[in-house]
Amino acid sequence: MPETAMLNEFVVEAKAASYVGGGVPRPPCRPGSHDIGYERGDWRYLDSYFGGTDFAGQEVVWFADEPIWAMNYFGWVIAPDLIDASAAGTVIKAALSALYRQGRFLGGIEFDHPFGRYVDRSEGGCERFSGHECIMVDGRKAYAFDYRGGLIIP
């Protein structure tokens, strides 16, 4: 298994190139899934999710064709009167782009956008983590996203 620093670097690179970076969708690996992936050398990443406004998914990293890391998530629009899925996606992409430019995908970040304030809190590191992100609009939580993941150890 590669060093954690190398894994973290690849996860950031893959996340930046896929959903946030407007990566090309792939054929669904499961009926009804939306899939987007990224590859570099022996590294492979796949983000596969179901839904739209409310959604659930999983990200997996393989190294030399062995699954080594995964993250599961669920996100939903809490207050459709304050934000819709498109605006939430715009805020998320802008905030995560800023985070990835710092070379990380975990840790606290707050990001102000005209559509709302993005707040992310997490515990742990690349090896094992959990977190929650939200978008606040006019002082109310309008969108939420829970995630957890880490190393896959056979």
C-alpha atoms as a PDB file:
ATOM      1  CA  MET A   1       0.000   0.000   0.000  1.00  0.00           C
ATOM      2  CA  PRO A   2       1.320   3.482  -0.877  1.00  0.00           C
ATOM      3  CA  GLU A   3       2.201   5.999   1.830  1.00  0.00           C
ATOM      4  CA  THR A   4      -0.667   8.046   3.266  1.00  0.00           C
ATOM      5  CA  ALA A   5       0.822  11.287   1.905  1.00  0.00           C
ATOM      6  CA  MET A   6       0.773   9.867  -1.628  1.00  0.00           C
ATOM      7  CA  LEU A   7      -2.805   8.662  -1.168  1.00  0.00           C
ATOM      8  CA  ASN A   8      -3.920  12.049   0.150  1.00  0.00           C
ATOM      9  CA  GLU A   9      -2.244  13.770  -2.795  1.00  0.00           C
ATOM     10  CA  PHE A  10      -3.996  11.487  -5.282  1.00  0.00           C
ATOM     11  CA  VAL A  11      -7.409  11.881  -3.588  1.00  0.00           C
ATOM     12  CA  VAL A  12      -7.105  15.681  -3.808  1.00  0.00           C
ATOM     13  CA  GLU A  13      -5.966  15.463  -7.454  1.00  0.00           C
ATOM     14  CA  ALA A  14      -8.799  13.083  -8.382  1.00  0.00           C
ATOM     15  CA  LYS A  15     -11.508  15.066  -6.592  1.00  0.00           C
ATOM     16  CA  ALA A  16     -10.290  18.297  -8.223  1.00  0.00           C
ATOM     17  CA  ALA A  17     -10.347  16.689 -11.677  1.00  0.00           C
ATOM     18  CA  SER A  18     -13.717  14.932 -11.377  1.00  0.00           C
ATOM     19  CA  TYR A  19     -16.886  16.521  -9.910  1.00  0.00           C
ATOM     20  CA  VAL A  20     -15.332  19.868  -9.046  1.00  0.00           C
ATOM     21  CA  GLY A  21     -13.283  20.053 -12.239  1.00  0.00           C
ATOM     22  CA  GLY A  22     -16.130  19.119 -14.558  1.00  0.00           C
ATOM     23  CA  GLY A  23     -14.739  15.687 -15.425  1.00  0.00           C
ATOM     24  CA  VAL A  24     -16.404  13.619 -18.122  1.00  0.00           C
ATOM     25  CA  PRO A  25     -19.171  11.300 -16.884  1.00  0.00           C
ATOM     26  CA  ARG A  26     -18.587   7.590 -17.427  1.00  0.00           C
ATOM     27  CA  PRO A  27     -21.101   4.897 -18.272  1.00  0.00           C
ATOM     28  CA  PRO A  28     -22.905   3.874 -15.073  1.00  0.00           C
ATOM     29  CA  CYS A  29     -21.322   0.949 -13.234  1.00  0.00           C
ATOM     30  CA  ARG A  30     -24.700   0.213 -11.568  1.00  0.00           C
ATOM     31  CA  PRO A  31     -28.222   0.774 -12.889  1.00  0.00           C
ATOM     32  CA  GLY A  32     -29.193   4.408 -12.308  1.00  0.00           C
ATOM     33  CA  SER A  33     -25.816   5.578 -11.009  1.00  0.00           C
ATOM     34  CA  HIS A  34     -23.964   8.708 -12.101  1.00  0.00           C
ATOM     35  CA  ASP A  35     -20.251   7.931 -12.383  1.00  0.00           C
ATOM     36  CA  ILE A  36     -17.201  10.079 -12.869  1.00  0.00           C
ATOM     37  CA  GLY A  37     -13.624   8.860 -12.600  1.00  0.00           C
ATOM     38  CA  TYR A  38      -9.982   9.749 -12.824  1.00  0.00           C
ATOM     39  CA  GLU A  39      -6.812   7.740 -13.456  1.00  0.00           C
ATOM     40  CA  ARG A  40      -3.070   8.326 -13.233  1.00  0.00           C
ATOM     41  CA  GLY A  41      -0.564   5.506 -13.586  1.00  0.00           C
ATOM     42  CA  ASP A  42      -1.402   2.733 -11.098  1.00  0.00           C
ATOM     43  CA  TRP A  43      -3.980   4.972  -9.404  1.00  0.00           C
ATOM     44  CA  ARG A  44      -7.707   4.878 -10.199  1.00  0.00           C
ATOM     45  CA  TYR A  45     -10.613   6.834  -8.634  1.00  0.00           C
ATOM     46  CA  LEU A  46     -14.356   6.472  -9.108  1.00  0.00           C
ATOM     47  CA  ASP A  47     -17.154   8.623  -7.686  1.00  0.00           C
ATOM     48  CA  SER A  48     -20.496   6.843  -8.153  1.00  0.00           C
ATOM     49  CA  TYR A  49     -23.748   8.310  -6.834  1.00  0.00           C
ATOM     50  CA  PHE A  50     -27.526   8.107  -7.107  1.00  0.00           C
ATOM     51  CA  GLY A  51     -30.017  10.954  -7.081  1.00  0.00           C
ATOM     52  CA  GLY A  52     -29.758  14.667  -7.691  1.00  0.00           C
ATOM     53  CA  THR A  53     -31.203  17.171  -5.226  1.00  0.00           C
ATOM     54  CA  ASP A  54     -30.954  14.473  -2.543  1.00  0.00           C
ATOM     55  CA  PHE A  55     -28.216  11.960  -3.286  1.00  0.00           C
ATOM     56  CA  ALA A  56     -26.066   9.138  -1.921  1.00  0.00           C
ATOM     57  CA  GLY A  57     -22.755   7.870  -3.181  1.00  0.00           C
ATOM     58  CA  GLN A  58     -19.365   6.365  -2.738  1.00  0.00           C
ATOM     59  CA  GLU A  59     -15.854   7.252  -3.836  1.00  0.00           C
ATOM     60  CA  VAL A  60     -13.209   4.529  -4.165  1.00  0.00           C
ATOM     61  CA  VAL A  61      -9.463   4.641  -4.856  1.00  0.00           C
ATOM     62  CA  TRP A  62      -7.611   1.655  -6.296  1.00  0.00           C
ATOM     63  CA  PHE A  63      -3.844   1.267  -6.435  1.00  0.00           C
ATOM     64  CA  ALA A  64      -2.520  -1.419  -8.806  1.00  0.00           C
ATOM     65  CA  ASP A  65      -6.112  -2.704  -9.155  1.00  0.00           C
ATOM     66  CA  GLU A  66      -6.555  -3.179  -5.380  1.00  0.00           C
ATOM     67  CA  PRO A  67      -9.186  -1.067  -3.579  1.00  0.00           C
ATOM     68  CA  ILE A  68      -7.351   0.829  -0.823  1.00  0.00           C
ATOM     69  CA  TRP A  69      -9.597   3.766   0.203  1.00  0.00           C
ATOM     70  CA  ALA A  70     -13.288   4.661   0.162  1.00  0.00           C
ATOM     71  CA  MET A  71     -15.699   7.381   1.257  1.00  0.00           C
ATOM     72  CA  ASN A  72     -19.498   7.131   1.575  1.00  0.00           C
ATOM     73  CA  TYR A  73     -21.763  10.180   1.583  1.00  0.00           C
ATOM     74  CA  PHE A  74     -25.334  11.451   1.654  1.00  0.00           C
ATOM     75  CA  GLY A  75     -26.413  15.008   0.796  1.00  0.00           C
ATOM     76  CA  TRP A  76     -29.748  16.789   0.698  1.00  0.00           C
ATOM     77  CA  VAL A  77     -31.396  20.166   0.259  1.00  0.00           C
ATOM     78  CA  ILE A  78     -33.038  20.995   3.580  1.00  0.00           C
ATOM     79  CA  ALA A  79     -34.674  24.279   2.602  1.00  0.00           C
ATOM     80  CA  PRO A  80     -35.657  24.400  -1.084  1.00  0.00           C
ATOM     81  CA  ASP A  81     -37.114  27.854  -0.464  1.00  0.00           C
ATOM     82  CA  LEU A  82     -33.547  29.093   0.229  1.00  0.00           C
ATOM     83  CA  ILE A  83     -31.392  27.111  -2.212  1.00  0.00           C
ATOM     84  CA  ASP A  84     -31.850  24.672  -5.070  1.00  0.00           C
ATOM     85  CA  ALA A  85     -29.538  21.869  -6.191  1.00  0.00           C
ATOM     86  CA  SER A  86     -27.938  23.971  -8.925  1.00  0.00           C
ATOM     87  CA  ALA A  87     -27.044  26.857  -6.591  1.00  0.00           C
ATOM     88  CA  ALA A  88     -25.822  24.411  -3.933  1.00  0.00           C
ATOM     89  CA  GLY A  89     -23.583  22.747  -6.527  1.00  0.00           C
ATOM     90  CA  THR A  90     -22.155  26.126  -7.524  1.00  0.00           C
ATOM     91  CA  VAL A  91     -21.277  26.944  -3.894  1.00  0.00           C
ATOM     92  CA  ILE A  92     -19.811  23.487  -3.267  1.00  0.00           C
ATOM     93  CA  LYS A  93     -17.633  23.530  -6.384  1.00  0.00           C
ATOM     94  CA  ALA A  94     -16.247  26.979  -5.541  1.00  0.00           C
ATOM     95  CA  ALA A  95     -15.541  26.055  -1.889  1.00  0.00           C
ATOM     96  CA  LEU A  96     -13.979  22.687  -2.680  1.00  0.00           C
ATOM     97  CA  SER A  97     -11.827  24.208  -5.430  1.00  0.00           C
ATOM     98  CA  ALA A  98     -10.384  26.561  -2.804  1.00  0.00           C
ATOM     99  CA  LEU A  99      -9.803  23.639  -0.417  1.00  0.00           C
ATOM    100  CA  TYR A 100      -8.122  21.465  -3.061  1.00  0.00           C
ATOM    101  CA  ARG A 101      -5.806  24.339  -4.033  1.00  0.00           C
ATOM    102  CA  GLN A 102      -4.510  24.069  -0.439  1.00  0.00           C
ATOM    103  CA  GLY A 103      -3.618  20.423  -1.169  1.00  0.00           C
ATOM    104  CA  ARG A 104      -6.230  18.925   1.141  1.00  0.00           C
ATOM    105  CA  PHE A 105      -9.740  17.494   1.162  1.00  0.00           C
ATOM    106  CA  LEU A 106     -10.310  17.324   4.924  1.00  0.00           C
ATOM    107  CA  GLY A 107     -10.281  19.880   7.682  1.00  0.00           C
ATOM    108  CA  GLY A 108     -12.310  22.885   8.529  1.00  0.00           C
ATOM    109  CA  ILE A 109     -13.146  25.434   5.906  1.00  0.00           C
ATOM    110  CA  GLU A 110     -15.626  28.261   5.715  1.00  0.00           C
ATOM    111  CA  PHE A 111     -16.257  29.864   2.366  1.00  0.00           C
ATOM    112  CA  ASP A 112     -18.523  32.789   1.519  1.00  0.00           C
ATOM    113  CA  HIS A 113     -20.343  32.776  -1.799  1.00  0.00           C
ATOM    114  CA  PRO A 114     -23.200  34.997  -3.037  1.00  0.00           C
ATOM    115  CA  PHE A 115     -25.546  31.962  -2.817  1.00  0.00           C
ATOM    116  CA  GLY A 116     -24.604  31.104   0.771  1.00  0.00           C
ATOM    117  CA  ARG A 117     -21.899  30.353   3.339  1.00  0.00           C
ATOM    118  CA  TYR A 118     -20.247  26.924   2.995  1.00  0.00           C
ATOM    119  CA  VAL A 119     -19.059  25.343   6.246  1.00  0.00           C
ATOM    120  CA  ASP A 120     -17.216  22.017   6.503  1.00  0.00           C
ATOM    121  CA  ARG A 121     -16.026  20.283   9.673  1.00  0.00           C
ATOM    122  CA  SER A 122     -14.300  16.906   9.837  1.00  0.00           C
ATOM    123  CA  GLU A 123     -12.461  14.698  12.281  1.00  0.00           C
ATOM    124  CA  GLY A 124      -9.573  12.365  11.525  1.00  0.00           C
ATOM    125  CA  GLY A 125      -7.241  12.079   8.596  1.00  0.00           C
ATOM    126  CA  CYS A 126      -7.073  10.332   5.254  1.00  0.00           C
ATOM    127  CA  GLU A 127      -6.734   6.960   7.044  1.00  0.00           C
ATOM    128  CA  ARG A 128     -10.104   7.271   8.875  1.00  0.00           C
ATOM    129  CA  PHE A 129     -12.413  10.309   8.937  1.00  0.00           C
ATOM    130  CA  SER A 130     -15.955  11.622   9.241  1.00  0.00           C
ATOM    131  CA  GLY A 131     -17.420  15.002   8.543  1.00  0.00           C
ATOM    132  CA  HIS A 132     -20.341  17.262   7.811  1.00  0.00           C
ATOM    133  CA  GLU A 133     -20.682  20.112   5.349  1.00  0.00           C
ATOM    134  CA  CYS A 134     -23.528  22.557   5.035  1.00  0.00           C
ATOM    135  CA  ILE A 135     -24.583  25.715   3.270  1.00  0.00           C
ATOM    136  CA  MET A 136     -26.095  28.459   5.379  1.00  0.00           C
ATOM    137  CA  VAL A 137     -28.449  30.965   3.748  1.00  0.00           C
ATOM    138  CA  ASP A 138     -29.786  33.916   5.759  1.00  0.00           C
ATOM    139  CA  GLY A 139     -28.636  32.216   8.963  1.00  0.00           C
ATOM    140  CA  ARG A 140     -30.472  28.947   8.193  1.00  0.00           C
ATOM    141  CA  LYS A 141     -29.039  25.601   7.191  1.00  0.00           C
ATOM    142  CA  ALA A 142     -30.270  25.117   3.617  1.00  0.00           C
ATOM    143  CA  TYR A 143     -28.158  22.135   2.514  1.00  0.00           C
ATOM    144  CA  ALA A 144     -26.333  19.346   4.377  1.00  0.00           C
ATOM    145  CA  PHE A 145     -23.890  16.569   3.482  1.00  0.00           C
ATOM    146  CA  ASP A 146     -22.518  13.833   5.756  1.00  0.00           C
ATOM    147  CA  TYR A 147     -19.470  11.765   4.868  1.00  0.00           C
ATOM    148  CA  ARG A 148     -17.090   9.186   6.302  1.00  0.00           C
ATOM    149  CA  GLY A 149     -14.360   6.954   5.034  1.00  0.00           C
ATOM    150  CA  GLY A 150     -10.774   5.818   5.143  1.00  0.00           C
ATOM    151  CA  LEU A 151      -8.400   3.028   4.307  1.00  0.00           C
ATOM    152  CA  ILE A 152      -9.716  -0.344   3.203  1.00  0.00           C
ATOM    153  CA  ILE A 153      -7.719  -3.014   5.029  1.00  0.00           C
ATOM    154  CA  PRO A 154      -8.168  -6.629   3.891  1.00  0.00           C
END
